[in-house]
Protein backbone atom coordinates (compact mmCIF):
# COMPACT_ATOMS: atom_id res chain seq x y z
CA MET A 1 0.00 0.00 0.00
CA LEU A 2 1.50 3.33 -1.01
CA TRP A 3 0.57 6.57 0.78
CA LEU A 4 1.67 9.74 -0.94
CA ASN A 5 2.82 12.76 0.99
CA LYS A 6 3.80 16.23 -0.16
CA ARG A 7 7.44 15.42 0.58
CA LYS A 8 7.89 11.86 -0.70
CA PRO A 9 5.98 8.54 -0.89
CA VAL A 10 5.93 6.29 2.14
CA THR A 11 5.23 2.56 1.93
CA VAL A 12 3.04 1.46 4.82
CA GLN A 13 3.26 -2.08 6.13
CA LYS A 14 0.60 -3.30 8.55
CA VAL A 15 -0.64 -0.50 10.82
CA LEU A 16 -2.72 -1.39 13.86
CA ALA A 17 -3.23 0.75 16.97
CA PHE A 18 0.53 1.19 16.99
CA GLY A 19 2.34 -0.11 13.92
CA VAL A 20 5.55 0.10 11.98
CA ILE A 21 6.14 1.80 8.64
CA ALA A 22 8.95 0.94 6.25
CA LYS A 23 12.35 2.47 6.99
CA GLY A 24 11.78 2.49 10.76
CA ARG A 25 9.07 5.13 10.93
CA THR A 26 6.26 4.47 13.42
CA ALA A 27 2.62 5.36 12.99
CA ARG A 28 -0.54 5.40 15.04
CA ILE A 29 -4.16 5.58 14.03
CA ALA A 30 -5.83 8.83 15.02
CA ALA A 31 -9.33 10.16 14.47
CA GLY A 32 -8.14 12.16 11.45
CA GLY A 33 -5.99 9.45 9.87
CA TYR A 34 -2.48 8.10 10.35
CA GLU A 35 0.21 10.11 12.09
CA PHE A 36 3.78 9.29 11.11
CA SER A 37 6.78 9.85 13.35
CA GLU A 38 8.81 12.05 11.02
CA GLY A 39 6.10 14.51 10.07
CA PHE A 40 4.49 12.34 7.40
CA THR A 41 0.71 12.45 7.59
CA HIS A 42 -2.12 11.10 5.53
CA SER A 43 -5.69 12.25 6.12
CA MET A 44 -8.45 9.69 5.77
CA LYS A 45 -11.93 10.76 4.77
CA ILE A 46 -14.17 10.19 7.79
CA PRO A 47 -17.95 10.01 7.27
CA ARG A 48 -19.91 12.84 8.84
CA SER A 49 -21.74 10.35 11.03
CA MET A 50 -18.44 9.57 12.79
CA ARG A 51 -17.94 12.90 14.51
CA ARG A 52 -15.88 11.95 17.50
CA LYS A 53 -13.50 13.99 19.54
CA TYR A 54 -9.79 13.31 19.03
CA LEU A 55 -8.55 11.90 22.32
CA GLY A 56 -5.22 10.51 21.10
CA LYS A 57 -3.03 12.40 23.56
CA HIS A 58 -5.06 11.37 26.61
CA LYS A 59 -4.41 8.22 28.63
CA ILE A 60 -6.10 6.21 31.34
CA LEU A 61 -4.04 6.49 34.52
CA CYS A 62 -5.80 4.43 37.20
CA ALA A 63 -9.10 2.98 38.45
CA ALA A 64 -11.32 5.42 40.34
CA ILE A 65 -14.79 5.84 41.81
CA PHE A 66 -16.72 9.11 42.13
CA MET A 67 -18.85 9.21 45.28
CA HIS A 68 -21.50 11.72 46.28
CA TRP A 69 -22.92 10.89 49.70
CA ARG A 70 -24.63 12.30 52.78
CA ASP A 71 -23.15 11.45 56.18
CA LEU A 72 -25.01 10.82 59.44
CA ASN A 73 -25.05 14.54 60.26
CA GLY A 74 -26.73 15.39 56.94
CA LYS A 75 -23.66 16.98 55.36
CA GLU A 76 -23.07 16.20 51.66
CA HIS A 77 -19.67 15.14 50.34
CA LYS A 78 -18.29 14.64 46.82
CA HIS A 79 -14.97 12.90 46.29
CA VAL A 80 -13.08 10.83 43.70
CA PHE A 81 -11.28 7.86 45.26
CA ALA A 82 -8.48 6.33 43.18
CA VAL A 83 -5.78 3.67 43.53
CA PRO A 84 -2.60 3.35 41.44
CA ARG A 85 -2.42 0.80 38.67
CA PRO A 86 -2.50 -2.23 38.48
CA LYS A 87 -5.09 -2.16 41.27
CA ARG A 88 -8.77 -2.50 40.39
CA HIS A 89 -12.12 -1.09 41.47
CA HIS A 90 -12.56 -3.48 44.41
CA ASP A 91 -9.31 -2.01 45.78
CA VAL A 92 -10.93 1.44 45.60
CA PHE A 93 -13.76 0.20 47.84
CA LEU A 94 -11.15 -1.06 50.33
CA LEU A 95 -9.46 2.37 50.24
CA MET A 96 -12.80 4.08 50.91
CA ARG A 97 -13.38 1.81 53.90
CA GLU A 98 -9.89 2.63 55.26
CA GLN A 99 -10.63 6.35 54.94
CA GLY A 100 -13.85 6.03 56.93
CA VAL A 101 -16.44 5.97 54.13
CA ARG A 102 -18.51 2.90 54.92
CA ILE A 103 -21.15 2.36 52.26
CA GLU A 104 -23.54 0.58 54.62
CA GLU A 105 -23.54 3.54 57.05
CA ILE A 106 -23.97 6.44 54.62
CA GLU A 107 -26.69 7.59 52.27
CA THR A 108 -25.24 7.25 48.77
CA LEU A 109 -26.59 9.90 46.43
CA ASN A 110 -24.47 9.02 43.40
CA GLN A 111 -21.74 6.49 42.71
CA VAL A 112 -19.93 6.25 39.36
CA GLN A 113 -17.23 3.70 38.64
CA GLY A 114 -14.67 4.92 36.13
CA PHE A 115 -11.06 5.92 35.69
CA ASN A 116 -8.77 8.86 36.29
CA SER A 117 -7.38 10.00 32.97
CA SER A 118 -5.05 12.76 31.90
CA VAL A 119 -8.11 15.04 31.60
CA GLY A 120 -9.68 14.06 34.95
CA PHE A 121 -12.29 11.53 36.06
CA VAL A 122 -14.21 9.73 33.29
CA ASN A 123 -16.84 7.01 33.43
CA ARG A 124 -16.40 3.57 31.88
CA ARG A 125 -17.85 4.49 28.46
CA VAL A 126 -15.68 7.56 27.91
CA GLY A 127 -12.73 5.64 29.34
CA LEU A 128 -13.16 3.01 26.62
CA SER A 129 -12.77 5.55 23.82
CA ILE A 130 -9.74 7.14 25.51
CA ALA A 131 -8.06 3.75 26.04
CA ARG A 132 -8.77 2.69 22.45
CA ASN A 133 -7.32 5.90 21.01
CA ALA A 134 -4.27 5.64 23.28
CA GLY A 135 -3.70 1.97 22.40
CA GLN A 136 -3.91 0.86 26.03
CA ILE A 137 -6.29 -2.08 25.61
CA ILE A 138 -4.44 -5.40 25.80
CA LYS A 139 -7.43 -7.73 25.47
CA LYS A 140 -11.08 -6.64 25.49
CA HIS A 141 -13.37 -8.66 27.72
CA PRO A 142 -17.19 -8.46 27.66
CA SER A 143 -18.97 -5.96 28.01
CA TYR A 144 -17.85 -4.34 24.80
CA ASP A 145 -19.28 -0.86 25.41
CA GLU A 146 -17.54 -0.22 28.76
CA LEU A 147 -13.92 -0.25 29.92
CA TYR A 148 -12.73 -2.51 32.72
CA SER A 149 -9.31 -2.50 34.31
CA GLU A 150 -8.89 -6.15 33.23
CA ASP A 151 -8.81 -4.87 29.63
CA MET A 152 -5.67 -2.81 30.27
CA TRP A 153 -3.64 -4.40 33.09
């Protein structure tokens, strides 16, 4: 397959999430096409129905849970609890228990399982698109529309 650039033609071998191009150049698939390591680019035509935000520079950092709860005194709290990778969401619940947030003793107003990313907390669905664009998914397990920490580490 031959991709033409304004500078010179580049022969592309097999390009996956992260691939190799002939002559040692590396490429990655982005929302706008392929990005080559030495300034070579090729824009793909993307259908208008596929309007998605380019999240290629963002990464998933660790598992996290957003909690919004009311304590016994009636005071509301909002906090994101996170643990470093390769720990998982059940480890976040253990961390919450160590910090005095016992789910059985509080009134939970909202609880969202997700991930801390380079842009902040995201839920499992947004996390899936970030991890796909960053090439962080090792093997995808069911469910296919949400991200789980088992998919990445």
